[in-house]
PDB file of all heavy atoms in Angstrom:
ATOM      1  N   HIS A   1     264.446 153.222 263.539  1.00  0.00           N
ATOM      2  CA  HIS A   1     264.765 152.029 262.688  1.00  0.00           C
ATOM      3  C   HIS A   1     264.389 150.685 263.322  1.00  0.00           C
ATOM      4  O   HIS A   1     264.964 149.671 263.027  1.00  0.00           O
ATOM      5  CB  HIS A   1     266.275 152.022 262.301  1.00  0.00           C
ATOM      6  CG  HIS A   1     266.663 153.256 261.556  1.00  0.00           C
ATOM      7  ND1 HIS A   1     267.798 153.930 261.898  1.00  0.00           N
ATOM      8  CD2 HIS A   1     266.107 153.919 260.515  1.00  0.00           C
ATOM      9  CE1 HIS A   1     267.895 154.993 261.075  1.00  0.00           C
ATOM     10  NE2 HIS A   1     266.913 154.934 260.196  1.00  0.00           N
ATOM     11  N   LYS A   2     263.373 150.740 264.165  1.00  0.00           N
ATOM     12  CA  LYS A   2     262.860 149.507 264.760  1.00  0.00           C
ATOM     13  C   LYS A   2     262.052 148.805 263.716  1.00  0.00           C
ATOM     14  O   LYS A   2     261.162 149.363 263.041  1.00  0.00           O
ATOM     15  CB  LYS A   2     261.964 149.870 265.974  1.00  0.00           C
ATOM     16  CG  LYS A   2     261.408 148.653 266.680  1.00  0.00           C
ATOM     17  CD  LYS A   2     260.554 149.096 267.863  1.00  0.00           C
ATOM     18  CE  LYS A   2     260.067 147.905 268.684  1.00  0.00           C
ATOM     19  NZ  LYS A   2     258.957 147.235 268.036  1.00  0.00           N
ATOM     20  N   ILE A   3     262.341 147.513 263.572  1.00  0.00           N
ATOM     21  CA  ILE A   3     261.592 146.707 262.572  1.00  0.00           C
ATOM     22  C   ILE A   3     260.298 146.214 263.193  1.00  0.00           C
ATOM     23  O   ILE A   3     260.323 145.561 264.266  1.00  0.00           O
ATOM     24  CB  ILE A   3     262.445 145.538 262.079  1.00  0.00           C
ATOM     25  CG1 ILE A   3     263.685 146.080 261.343  1.00  0.00           C
ATOM     26  CG2 ILE A   3     261.648 144.612 261.149  1.00  0.00           C
ATOM     27  CD1 ILE A   3     264.746 145.076 260.966  1.00  0.00           C
ATOM     28  N   ILE A   4     259.153 146.514 262.547  1.00  0.00           N
ATOM     29  CA  ILE A   4     257.832 146.093 263.017  1.00  0.00           C
ATOM     30  C   ILE A   4     257.456 144.875 262.184  1.00  0.00           C
ATOM     31  O   ILE A   4     257.314 144.963 260.937  1.00  0.00           O
ATOM     32  CB  ILE A   4     256.852 147.213 262.823  1.00  0.00           C
ATOM     33  CG1 ILE A   4     257.239 148.473 263.623  1.00  0.00           C
ATOM     34  CG2 ILE A   4     255.418 146.752 263.228  1.00  0.00           C
ATOM     35  CD1 ILE A   4     256.473 149.735 263.228  1.00  0.00           C
ATOM     36  N   GLU A   5     257.195 143.751 262.828  1.00  0.00           N
ATOM     37  CA  GLU A   5     256.745 142.551 262.175  1.00  0.00           C
ATOM     38  C   GLU A   5     255.237 142.606 262.143  1.00  0.00           C
ATOM     39  O   GLU A   5     254.547 142.597 263.202  1.00  0.00           O
ATOM     40  CB  GLU A   5     257.215 141.296 262.903  1.00  0.00           C
ATOM     41  CG  GLU A   5     258.717 141.132 262.950  1.00  0.00           C
ATOM     42  CD  GLU A   5     259.164 139.929 263.739  1.00  0.00           C
ATOM     43  OE1 GLU A   5     258.329 139.210 264.305  1.00  0.00           O
ATOM     44  OE2 GLU A   5     260.385 139.703 263.758  1.00  0.00           O
ATOM     45  N   LEU A   6     254.655 142.620 260.956  1.00  0.00           N
ATOM     46  CA  LEU A   6     253.203 142.664 260.820  1.00  0.00           C
ATOM     47  C   LEU A   6     252.621 141.311 261.196  1.00  0.00           C
ATOM     48  O   LEU A   6     253.185 140.278 260.898  1.00  0.00           O
ATOM     49  CB  LEU A   6     252.779 143.038 259.414  1.00  0.00           C
ATOM     50  CG  LEU A   6     253.248 144.484 258.998  1.00  0.00           C
ATOM     51  CD1 LEU A   6     252.937 144.685 257.486  1.00  0.00           C
ATOM     52  CD2 LEU A   6     252.563 145.531 259.849  1.00  0.00           C
ATOM     53  N   ASP A   7     251.504 141.338 261.899  1.00  0.00           N
ATOM     54  CA  ASP A   7     250.857 140.155 262.372  1.00  0.00           C
ATOM     55  C   ASP A   7     250.379 139.323 261.219  1.00  0.00           C
ATOM     56  O   ASP A   7     249.791 139.826 260.253  1.00  0.00           O
ATOM     57  CB  ASP A   7     249.687 140.536 263.290  1.00  0.00           C
ATOM     58  CG  ASP A   7     249.179 139.366 264.127  1.00  0.00           C
ATOM     59  OD1 ASP A   7     248.920 138.327 263.555  1.00  0.00           O
ATOM     60  OD2 ASP A   7     249.050 139.516 265.306  1.00  0.00           O
ATOM     61  N   TYR A   8     250.609 137.999 261.304  1.00  0.00           N
ATOM     62  CA  TYR A   8     250.200 137.118 260.175  1.00  0.00           C
ATOM     63  C   TYR A   8     248.681 137.136 259.980  1.00  0.00           C
ATOM     64  O   TYR A   8     248.201 136.771 258.917  1.00  0.00           O
ATOM     65  CB  TYR A   8     250.657 135.704 260.422  1.00  0.00           C
ATOM     66  CG  TYR A   8     252.160 135.530 260.240  1.00  0.00           C
ATOM     67  CD1 TYR A   8     252.819 134.471 260.862  1.00  0.00           C
ATOM     68  CD2 TYR A   8     252.905 136.349 259.387  1.00  0.00           C
ATOM     69  CE1 TYR A   8     254.167 134.264 260.711  1.00  0.00           C
ATOM     70  CE2 TYR A   8     254.266 136.142 259.214  1.00  0.00           C
ATOM     71  CZ  TYR A   8     254.889 135.109 259.890  1.00  0.00           C
ATOM     72  OH  TYR A   8     256.252 134.884 259.694  1.00  0.00           O
ATOM     73  N   LYS A   9     247.903 137.559 260.972  1.00  0.00           N
ATOM     74  CA  LYS A   9     246.439 137.589 260.830  1.00  0.00           C
ATOM     75  C   LYS A   9     246.024 138.460 259.635  1.00  0.00           C
ATOM     76  O   LYS A   9     245.065 138.208 258.983  1.00  0.00           O
ATOM     77  CB  LYS A   9     245.727 137.971 262.109  1.00  0.00           C
ATOM     78  CG  LYS A   9     245.944 139.440 262.484  1.00  0.00           C
ATOM     79  CD  LYS A   9     245.279 139.831 263.787  1.00  0.00           C
ATOM     80  CE  LYS A   9     245.548 141.291 264.142  1.00  0.00           C
ATOM     81  NZ  LYS A   9     245.016 141.600 265.433  1.00  0.00           N
ATOM     82  N   TYR A  10     246.769 139.550 259.419  1.00  0.00           N
ATOM     83  CA  TYR A  10     246.474 140.370 258.264  1.00  0.00           C
ATOM     84  C   TYR A  10     246.673 139.707 256.956  1.00  0.00           C
ATOM     85  O   TYR A  10     245.942 139.868 256.004  1.00  0.00           O
ATOM     86  CB  TYR A  10     247.272 141.681 258.306  1.00  0.00           C
ATOM     87  CG  TYR A  10     246.962 142.519 259.563  1.00  0.00           C
ATOM     88  CD1 TYR A  10     247.930 142.792 260.510  1.00  0.00           C
ATOM     89  CD2 TYR A  10     245.703 143.023 259.779  1.00  0.00           C
ATOM     90  CE1 TYR A  10     247.655 143.510 261.679  1.00  0.00           C
ATOM     91  CE2 TYR A  10     245.411 143.749 260.943  1.00  0.00           C
ATOM     92  CZ  TYR A  10     246.387 143.981 261.844  1.00  0.00           C
ATOM     93  OH  TYR A  10     246.123 144.722 262.984  1.00  0.00           O
ATOM     94  N   PHE A  11     247.757 138.925 256.904  1.00  0.00           N
ATOM     95  CA  PHE A  11     248.008 138.151 255.673  1.00  0.00           C
ATOM     96  C   PHE A  11     247.042 137.032 255.459  1.00  0.00           C
ATOM     97  O   PHE A  11     246.725 136.703 254.313  1.00  0.00           O
ATOM     98  CB  PHE A  11     249.481 137.675 255.679  1.00  0.00           C
ATOM     99  CG  PHE A  11     250.433 138.791 255.650  1.00  0.00           C
ATOM    100  CD1 PHE A  11     250.928 139.314 256.847  1.00  0.00           C
ATOM    101  CD2 PHE A  11     250.804 139.382 254.479  1.00  0.00           C
ATOM    102  CE1 PHE A  11     251.780 140.393 256.828  1.00  0.00           C
ATOM    103  CE2 PHE A  11     251.646 140.456 254.435  1.00  0.00           C
ATOM    104  CZ  PHE A  11     252.129 140.960 255.648  1.00  0.00           C
ATOM    105  N   ASP A  12     246.494 136.486 256.523  1.00  0.00           N
ATOM    106  CA  ASP A  12     245.412 135.536 256.412  1.00  0.00           C
ATOM    107  C   ASP A  12     244.187 136.152 255.761  1.00  0.00           C
ATOM    108  O   ASP A  12     243.539 135.537 254.956  1.00  0.00           O
ATOM    109  CB  ASP A  12     245.027 134.926 257.771  1.00  0.00           C
ATOM    110  CG  ASP A  12     246.085 134.033 258.394  1.00  0.00           C
ATOM    111  OD1 ASP A  12     246.958 133.537 257.636  1.00  0.00           O
ATOM    112  OD2 ASP A  12     246.062 133.790 259.602  1.00  0.00           O
ATOM    113  N   ASP A  13     243.918 137.403 256.101  1.00  0.00           N
ATOM    114  CA  ASP A  13     242.808 138.134 255.507  1.00  0.00           C
ATOM    115  C   ASP A  13     243.121 138.558 254.044  1.00  0.00           C
ATOM    116  O   ASP A  13     242.239 138.547 253.194  1.00  0.00           O
ATOM    117  CB  ASP A  13     242.477 139.425 256.285  1.00  0.00           C
ATOM    118  CG  ASP A  13     241.829 139.066 257.640  1.00  0.00           C
ATOM    119  OD1 ASP A  13     241.229 137.956 257.782  1.00  0.00           O
ATOM    120  OD2 ASP A  13     241.959 139.872 258.579  1.00  0.00           O
ATOM    121  N   ILE A  14     244.362 138.871 253.741  1.00  0.00           N
ATOM    122  CA  ILE A  14     244.767 139.195 252.399  1.00  0.00           C
ATOM    123  C   ILE A  14     244.680 137.950 251.525  1.00  0.00           C
ATOM    124  O   ILE A  14     244.292 137.976 250.394  1.00  0.00           O
ATOM    125  CB  ILE A  14     246.195 139.755 252.364  1.00  0.00           C
ATOM    126  CG1 ILE A  14     246.232 141.146 253.023  1.00  0.00           C
ATOM    127  CG2 ILE A  14     246.803 139.769 250.964  1.00  0.00           C
ATOM    128  CD1 ILE A  14     247.596 141.709 253.256  1.00  0.00           C
ATOM    129  N   ALA A  15     245.031 136.790 252.095  1.00  0.00           N
ATOM    130  CA  ALA A  15     244.964 135.454 251.477  1.00  0.00           C
ATOM    131  C   ALA A  15     245.702 135.367 250.168  1.00  0.00           C
ATOM    132  O   ALA A  15     245.136 135.095 249.095  1.00  0.00           O
ATOM    133  CB  ALA A  15     243.474 135.080 251.301  1.00  0.00           C
ATOM    134  N   PRO A  16     247.033 135.588 250.209  1.00  0.00           N
ATOM    135  CA  PRO A  16     247.798 135.457 248.950  1.00  0.00           C
ATOM    136  C   PRO A  16     247.803 133.990 248.474  1.00  0.00           C
ATOM    137  O   PRO A  16     247.859 133.077 249.308  1.00  0.00           O
ATOM    138  CB  PRO A  16     249.175 135.912 249.346  1.00  0.00           C
ATOM    139  CG  PRO A  16     249.297 135.643 250.833  1.00  0.00           C
ATOM    140  CD  PRO A  16     247.877 135.867 251.353  1.00  0.00           C
ATOM    141  N   SER A  17     247.734 133.819 247.174  1.00  0.00           N
ATOM    142  CA  SER A  17     247.861 132.450 246.605  1.00  0.00           C
ATOM    143  C   SER A  17     249.297 132.134 246.288  1.00  0.00           C
ATOM    144  O   SER A  17     249.631 130.931 246.233  1.00  0.00           O
ATOM    145  CB  SER A  17     246.994 132.304 245.389  1.00  0.00           C
ATOM    146  OG  SER A  17     247.190 133.321 244.453  1.00  0.00           O
ATOM    147  N   ILE A  18     250.125 133.134 246.058  1.00  0.00           N
ATOM    148  CA  ILE A  18     251.560 133.002 245.809  1.00  0.00           C
ATOM    149  C   ILE A  18     252.277 134.192 246.448  1.00  0.00           C
ATOM    150  O   ILE A  18     251.744 135.322 246.444  1.00  0.00           O
ATOM    151  CB  ILE A  18     251.836 132.953 244.282  1.00  0.00           C
ATOM    152  CG1 ILE A  18     251.165 131.760 243.630  1.00  0.00           C
ATOM    153  CG2 ILE A  18     253.326 132.972 243.969  1.00  0.00           C
ATOM    154  CD1 ILE A  18     251.148 131.796 242.099  1.00  0.00           C
ATOM    155  N   ILE A  19     253.488 133.998 246.883  1.00  0.00           N
ATOM    156  CA  ILE A  19     254.281 135.078 247.425  1.00  0.00           C
ATOM    157  C   ILE A  19     255.580 135.101 246.586  1.00  0.00           C
ATOM    158  O   ILE A  19     256.229 134.106 246.374  1.00  0.00           O
ATOM    159  CB  ILE A  19     254.656 134.883 248.882  1.00  0.00           C
ATOM    160  CG1 ILE A  19     253.354 134.853 249.739  1.00  0.00           C
ATOM    161  CG2 ILE A  19     255.613 136.006 249.397  1.00  0.00           C
ATOM    162  CD1 ILE A  19     253.587 134.409 251.177  1.00  0.00           C
ATOM    163  N   ILE A  20     255.895 136.304 246.107  1.00  0.00           N
ATOM    164  CA  ILE A  20     257.173 136.566 245.413  1.00  0.00           C
ATOM    165  C   ILE A  20     258.021 137.409 246.334  1.00  0.00           C
ATOM    166  O   ILE A  20     257.627 138.589 246.631  1.00  0.00           O
ATOM    167  CB  ILE A  20     257.005 137.268 244.034  1.00  0.00           C
ATOM    168  CG1 ILE A  20     255.964 136.529 243.186  1.00  0.00           C
ATOM    169  CG2 ILE A  20     258.344 137.422 243.370  1.00  0.00           C
ATOM    170  CD1 ILE A  20     256.315 135.123 242.781  1.00  0.00           C
ATOM    171  N   ASN A  21     259.110 136.901 246.811  1.00  0.00           N
ATOM    172  CA  ASN A  21     260.007 137.605 247.723  1.00  0.00           C
ATOM    173  C   ASN A  21     261.117 138.299 246.933  1.00  0.00           C
ATOM    174  O   ASN A  21     261.991 137.647 246.407  1.00  0.00           O
ATOM    175  CB  ASN A  21     260.627 136.613 248.751  1.00  0.00           C
ATOM    176  CG  ASN A  21     261.567 137.295 249.688  1.00  0.00           C
ATOM    177  OD1 ASN A  21     261.229 138.266 250.329  1.00  0.00           O
ATOM    178  ND2 ASN A  21     262.803 136.757 249.820  1.00  0.00           N
ATOM    179  N   VAL A  22     260.996 139.621 246.781  1.00  0.00           N
ATOM    180  CA  VAL A  22     261.982 140.395 245.972  1.00  0.00           C
ATOM    181  C   VAL A  22     263.136 140.746 246.902  1.00  0.00           C
ATOM    182  O   VAL A  22     262.917 141.300 247.973  1.00  0.00           O
ATOM    183  CB  VAL A  22     261.301 141.624 245.365  1.00  0.00           C
ATOM    184  CG1 VAL A  22     262.318 142.370 244.479  1.00  0.00           C
ATOM    185  CG2 VAL A  22     260.060 141.237 244.571  1.00  0.00           C
ATOM    186  N   PHE A  23     264.355 140.582 246.394  1.00  0.00           N
ATOM    187  CA  PHE A  23     265.531 140.950 247.151  1.00  0.00           C
ATOM    188  C   PHE A  23     266.560 141.579 246.219  1.00  0.00           C
ATOM    189  O   PHE A  23     266.496 141.428 245.007  1.00  0.00           O
ATOM    190  CB  PHE A  23     266.153 139.767 247.906  1.00  0.00           C
ATOM    191  CG  PHE A  23     266.756 138.727 246.965  1.00  0.00           C
ATOM    192  CD1 PHE A  23     268.129 138.740 246.712  1.00  0.00           C
ATOM    193  CD2 PHE A  23     265.984 137.769 246.386  1.00  0.00           C
ATOM    194  CE1 PHE A  23     268.688 137.792 245.885  1.00  0.00           C
ATOM    195  CE2 PHE A  23     266.538 136.803 245.538  1.00  0.00           C
ATOM    196  CZ  PHE A  23     267.915 136.833 245.279  1.00  0.00           C
ATOM    197  N   ALA A  24     267.504 142.318 246.810  1.00  0.00           N
ATOM    198  CA  ALA A  24     268.581 142.943 246.059  1.00  0.00           C
ATOM    199  C   ALA A  24     269.758 143.182 246.991  1.00  0.00           C
ATOM    200  O   ALA A  24     269.625 143.024 248.213  1.00  0.00           O
ATOM    201  CB  ALA A  24     268.108 144.279 245.413  1.00  0.00           C
ATOM    202  N   ASP A  25     270.887 143.494 246.421  1.00  0.00           N
ATOM    203  CA  ASP A  25     272.068 143.796 247.188  1.00  0.00           C
ATOM    204  C   ASP A  25     271.747 145.077 247.997  1.00  0.00           C
ATOM    205  O   ASP A  25     271.173 146.044 247.474  1.00  0.00           O
ATOM    206  CB  ASP A  25     273.230 144.079 246.210  1.00  0.00           C
ATOM    207  CG  ASP A  25     274.485 144.483 246.985  1.00  0.00           C
ATOM    208  OD1 ASP A  25     275.135 143.655 247.603  1.00  0.00           O
ATOM    209  OD2 ASP A  25     274.798 145.735 246.938  1.00  0.00           O
ATOM    210  N   ALA A  26     272.160 145.080 249.297  1.00  0.00           N
ATOM    211  CA  ALA A  26     271.868 146.196 250.176  1.00  0.00           C
ATOM    212  C   ALA A  26     272.458 147.539 249.639  1.00  0.00           C
ATOM    213  O   ALA A  26     271.788 148.578 249.795  1.00  0.00           O
ATOM    214  CB  ALA A  26     272.369 145.899 251.576  1.00  0.00           C
ATOM    215  N   ASN A  27     273.626 147.482 249.025  1.00  0.00           N
ATOM    216  CA  ASN A  27     274.193 148.692 248.467  1.00  0.00           C
ATOM    217  C   ASN A  27     273.340 149.249 247.340  1.00  0.00           C
ATOM    218  O   ASN A  27     273.214 150.448 247.197  1.00  0.00           O
ATOM    219  CB  ASN A  27     275.660 148.458 248.001  1.00  0.00           C
ATOM    220  CG  ASN A  27     276.624 148.224 249.098  1.00  0.00           C
ATOM    221  OD1 ASN A  27     276.704 149.047 249.998  1.00  0.00           O
ATOM    222  ND2 ASN A  27     277.271 147.133 249.106  1.00  0.00           N
TER     223      ASN A  27
END
C-alpha cells in the first residue's frame, strides 16, 4: 500500500488543458 507519486514530467507530456479531480467518501 505504498503510494507512488507519478513524476510531473509525464503530465507535462500528457499536457492536460483542464483537470477534473473526482472525489468521494472513503466508505
